[in-house]
């Protein structure tokens, strides 16, 4: 908790001074209670930028490998991720995905904010891809509102493959919260419809060109 407070009090103002992010719609994020922040995904630093500019702490899942990197860079990465309340998870098959969703549900059950990227991985071509239904599973299981979020410019600050971030302009837009009721029909169809509605709201905020299918989890990282 001390490290997280230090990040928000020291690193966040420094990042704002260096990058001068444009932040729109912060008032749309509920200050209390469980909330899901569902964002597009252009760069590794998306899940760092959002907690730094949001009006409350936001927990994201992060690959466990990031927490095990050796050397000074590894220590800095662990410190940063821990400071923004990132939760290490193993990536893999269906079992790992279910475990990740349960971790997210636990965060929401504690009345906290949880962030995720429904596309599943970073877009390599700047388009926004079809959302995976885990976000709908969380929304319907928890009853938490979903705030759509668009992050713009991070793909230029730290493109895929870049070792260090560059200076540049970042814009973060928080949209109007979406609330969903328990479905009366097919749960699978309901999750698909909820996911599509969330992705449409993110796309409206980001202005990205839509892709026809899903992003490739095996190559996008």
Protein backbone atom coordinates (compact mmCIF):
# COMPACT_ATOMS: atom_id res chain seq x y z
CA UNK A 1 0.00 0.00 0.00
CA UNK A 2 2.89 2.37 0.78
CA UNK A 3 4.45 1.69 -2.61
CA UNK A 4 1.14 2.27 -4.37
CA UNK A 5 0.65 5.55 -2.51
CA UNK A 6 4.19 6.62 -3.46
CA UNK A 7 3.56 5.89 -7.14
CA UNK A 8 0.37 7.94 -7.16
CA UNK A 9 1.93 10.82 -5.21
CA UNK A 10 5.34 10.94 -6.91
CA UNK A 11 5.50 9.04 -10.19
CA UNK A 12 2.05 10.05 -11.44
CA UNK A 13 2.73 13.82 -11.21
CA UNK A 14 6.14 13.30 -12.84
CA UNK A 15 4.57 11.37 -15.71
CA UNK A 16 1.96 14.08 -16.15
CA UNK A 17 4.72 16.71 -16.21
CA UNK A 18 6.71 14.85 -18.87
CA UNK A 19 3.86 13.70 -21.10
CA UNK A 20 1.13 16.24 -20.31
CA UNK A 21 -1.67 13.76 -21.05
CA UNK A 22 -5.04 15.01 -22.15
CA UNK A 23 -7.59 13.35 -19.87
CA UNK A 24 -11.29 13.57 -20.67
CA UNK A 25 -14.27 12.32 -18.70
CA UNK A 26 -12.59 11.50 -15.37
CA UNK A 27 -15.89 12.38 -13.73
CA UNK A 28 -17.41 9.33 -15.42
CA UNK A 29 -15.43 6.96 -13.19
CA UNK A 30 -17.37 6.22 -9.96
CA UNK A 31 -15.26 7.18 -6.95
CA UNK A 32 -16.51 4.28 -4.85
CA UNK A 33 -17.69 0.74 -5.34
CA UNK A 34 -16.78 -1.88 -7.92
CA UNK A 35 -16.22 -0.69 -11.47
CA UNK A 36 -14.73 -2.20 -14.62
CA UNK A 37 -12.60 -0.02 -16.89
CA UNK A 38 -12.59 -1.61 -20.36
CA UNK A 39 -10.01 -0.08 -22.71
CA UNK A 40 -8.56 -0.45 -26.18
CA UNK A 41 -4.99 -1.72 -26.36
CA UNK A 42 -2.23 -0.17 -28.46
CA UNK A 43 0.87 -0.46 -26.26
CA UNK A 44 2.30 -2.21 -23.20
CA UNK A 45 2.06 1.07 -21.31
CA UNK A 46 -1.73 1.37 -21.71
CA UNK A 47 -2.26 -0.48 -18.43
CA UNK A 48 0.26 1.85 -16.77
CA UNK A 49 -1.15 5.09 -18.17
CA UNK A 50 -4.75 4.41 -17.16
CA UNK A 51 -4.06 3.90 -13.41
CA UNK A 52 -1.85 7.00 -13.39
CA UNK A 53 -4.58 9.30 -14.74
CA UNK A 54 -7.70 7.65 -13.28
CA UNK A 55 -9.30 9.32 -10.23
CA UNK A 56 -8.86 6.14 -8.15
CA UNK A 57 -6.52 3.11 -8.06
CA UNK A 58 -7.16 0.62 -10.87
CA UNK A 59 -5.94 -2.98 -10.75
CA UNK A 60 -4.83 -4.64 -13.99
CA UNK A 61 -3.66 -8.18 -14.65
CA UNK A 62 -0.07 -8.45 -15.88
CA UNK A 63 1.87 -11.39 -17.23
CA UNK A 64 3.77 -13.15 -14.44
CA UNK A 65 6.91 -13.04 -16.60
CA UNK A 66 7.09 -9.27 -16.09
CA UNK A 67 7.56 -9.83 -12.36
CA UNK A 68 10.42 -12.32 -12.84
CA UNK A 69 12.73 -10.37 -15.12
CA UNK A 70 16.33 -10.21 -13.81
CA UNK A 71 18.60 -7.25 -13.25
CA UNK A 72 17.92 -3.58 -12.64
CA UNK A 73 15.34 -3.33 -15.40
CA UNK A 74 13.49 -6.26 -13.86
CA UNK A 75 13.45 -4.63 -10.44
CA UNK A 76 12.21 -1.36 -11.91
CA UNK A 77 9.48 -3.19 -13.81
CA UNK A 78 8.34 -5.06 -10.68
CA UNK A 79 8.34 -1.85 -8.65
CA UNK A 80 6.29 0.01 -11.24
CA UNK A 81 3.77 -2.82 -11.70
CA UNK A 82 3.36 -3.34 -7.97
CA UNK A 83 2.98 0.39 -7.51
CA UNK A 84 0.04 0.54 -9.92
CA UNK A 85 -1.62 -2.47 -8.26
CA UNK A 86 -0.92 -4.88 -11.12
CA UNK A 87 -1.74 -8.52 -10.39
CA UNK A 88 0.60 -11.21 -11.79
CA UNK A 89 -1.09 -14.02 -13.70
CA UNK A 90 -0.01 -16.96 -15.81
CA UNK A 91 -1.04 -16.87 -19.46
CA UNK A 92 -2.09 -20.11 -21.05
CA UNK A 93 -5.21 -22.07 -21.85
CA UNK A 94 -8.77 -22.20 -20.62
CA UNK A 95 -7.86 -22.99 -17.01
CA UNK A 96 -5.54 -19.99 -16.73
CA UNK A 97 -8.17 -17.74 -18.31
CA UNK A 98 -10.79 -18.84 -15.79
CA UNK A 99 -8.35 -18.26 -12.93
CA UNK A 100 -7.66 -14.74 -14.22
CA UNK A 101 -11.38 -13.95 -14.35
CA UNK A 102 -11.77 -15.19 -10.79
CA UNK A 103 -8.96 -12.91 -9.63
CA UNK A 104 -10.71 -10.00 -11.34
CA UNK A 105 -14.01 -10.95 -9.73
CA UNK A 106 -12.31 -10.97 -6.32
CA UNK A 107 -11.04 -7.43 -6.94
CA UNK A 108 -14.55 -6.24 -7.78
CA UNK A 109 -16.03 -8.06 -4.78
CA UNK A 110 -13.74 -5.91 -2.60
CA UNK A 111 -15.33 -2.79 -4.08
CA UNK A 112 -12.26 -1.88 -6.12
CA UNK A 113 -11.72 -0.79 -9.72
CA UNK A 114 -10.49 -3.33 -12.23
CA UNK A 115 -9.14 -2.59 -15.70
CA UNK A 116 -8.83 -4.86 -18.71
CA UNK A 117 -8.40 -4.88 -22.47
CA UNK A 118 -11.23 -6.91 -24.05
CA UNK A 119 -9.24 -7.29 -27.29
CA UNK A 120 -6.92 -9.59 -25.34
CA UNK A 121 -3.64 -8.22 -26.71
CA UNK A 122 -2.15 -5.19 -28.38
CA UNK A 123 -3.24 -4.12 -31.84
CA UNK A 124 -0.33 -4.19 -34.29
CA UNK A 125 -2.05 -2.19 -37.01
CA UNK A 126 -3.94 0.44 -35.02
CA UNK A 127 -7.37 -1.06 -35.68
CA UNK A 128 -9.69 -2.09 -32.86
CA UNK A 129 -10.46 -5.80 -32.78
CA UNK A 130 -13.47 -7.79 -31.65
CA UNK A 131 -13.78 -8.06 -27.89
CA UNK A 132 -13.53 -11.33 -26.02
CA UNK A 133 -16.46 -12.09 -23.75
CA UNK A 134 -14.55 -12.19 -20.46
CA UNK A 135 -15.47 -8.54 -19.91
CA UNK A 136 -19.17 -9.42 -20.18
CA UNK A 137 -18.69 -12.41 -17.86
CA UNK A 138 -17.24 -10.05 -15.26
CA UNK A 139 -19.91 -7.39 -15.72
CA UNK A 140 -22.80 -9.83 -15.44
CA UNK A 141 -21.27 -11.86 -12.59
CA UNK A 142 -20.35 -8.82 -10.49
CA UNK A 143 -23.09 -6.34 -11.42
CA UNK A 144 -20.38 -3.67 -11.66
CA UNK A 145 -20.77 -0.84 -14.16
CA UNK A 146 -18.40 -0.78 -17.13
CA UNK A 147 -16.62 2.44 -18.05
CA UNK A 148 -15.35 2.35 -21.66
CA UNK A 149 -11.89 3.87 -22.03
CA UNK A 150 -9.95 4.99 -25.09
CA UNK A 151 -6.18 5.47 -24.94
CA UNK A 152 -4.57 7.26 -27.89
CA UNK A 153 -0.93 7.94 -28.70
CA UNK A 154 0.69 5.21 -26.61
CA UNK A 155 1.57 3.24 -29.75
CA UNK A 156 3.87 6.12 -30.74
CA UNK A 157 5.35 6.51 -27.26
CA UNK A 158 6.22 2.82 -26.92
CA UNK A 159 5.59 0.85 -30.10
CA UNK A 160 5.67 -2.95 -29.98
CA UNK A 161 9.33 -3.97 -29.78
CA UNK A 162 10.59 -0.65 -28.36
CA UNK A 163 12.67 -1.10 -25.20
CA UNK A 164 12.02 2.33 -23.68
CA UNK A 165 9.16 4.83 -23.95
CA UNK A 166 9.59 8.03 -25.94
CA UNK A 167 8.16 11.46 -25.32
CA UNK A 168 4.84 12.15 -27.02
CA UNK A 169 1.23 13.11 -26.60
CA UNK A 170 -1.23 10.80 -24.84
CA UNK A 171 -4.99 11.16 -24.68
CA UNK A 172 -7.21 9.14 -22.32
CA UNK A 173 -10.99 9.32 -22.60
CA UNK A 174 -13.32 7.86 -19.98
CA UNK A 175 -16.80 7.28 -21.34
CA UNK A 176 -20.23 7.13 -19.75
CA UNK A 177 -20.67 4.06 -17.50
CA UNK A 178 -22.62 1.16 -18.98
CA UNK A 179 -24.82 -0.97 -16.74
CA UNK A 180 -26.15 -4.40 -17.59
CA UNK A 181 -28.90 -6.54 -16.08
CA UNK A 182 -28.95 -10.31 -15.80
CA UNK A 183 -30.14 -11.89 -19.07
CA UNK A 184 -33.36 -13.87 -19.28
CA UNK A 185 -32.35 -15.87 -22.35
CA UNK A 186 -29.18 -17.50 -23.58
CA UNK A 187 -26.21 -16.57 -21.40
CA UNK A 188 -23.77 -17.03 -24.26
CA UNK A 189 -25.71 -14.72 -26.54
CA UNK A 190 -26.06 -12.18 -23.73
CA UNK A 191 -22.30 -12.14 -23.11
CA UNK A 192 -21.67 -11.62 -26.82
CA UNK A 193 -24.18 -8.77 -27.01
CA UNK A 194 -22.77 -7.07 -23.88
CA UNK A 195 -19.22 -7.38 -25.19
CA UNK A 196 -20.18 -5.92 -28.55
CA UNK A 197 -21.91 -2.98 -26.86
CA UNK A 198 -18.81 -2.30 -24.75
CA UNK A 199 -16.52 -2.48 -27.77
CA UNK A 200 -18.77 -0.13 -29.74
CA UNK A 201 -18.54 2.41 -26.92
CA UNK A 202 -14.73 2.11 -26.83
CA UNK A 203 -14.58 2.50 -30.62
CA UNK A 204 -16.76 5.61 -30.48
CA UNK A 205 -14.29 7.14 -28.01
CA UNK A 206 -11.13 6.13 -29.86
CA UNK A 207 -12.22 6.65 -33.45
CA UNK A 208 -10.30 3.54 -34.49
CA UNK A 209 -11.12 1.61 -37.63
CA UNK A 210 -12.82 -1.68 -36.66
CA UNK A 211 -11.28 -5.01 -37.63
CA UNK A 212 -13.53 -7.86 -38.69
CA UNK A 213 -12.23 -10.51 -36.29
CA UNK A 214 -10.22 -11.19 -33.16
CA UNK A 215 -6.67 -10.12 -32.48
CA UNK A 216 -4.11 -12.94 -32.61
CA UNK A 217 -3.08 -13.69 -29.03
CA UNK A 218 -0.15 -15.80 -30.16
CA UNK A 219 1.65 -12.95 -31.95
CA UNK A 220 0.45 -9.67 -30.48
CA UNK A 221 1.81 -10.24 -26.97
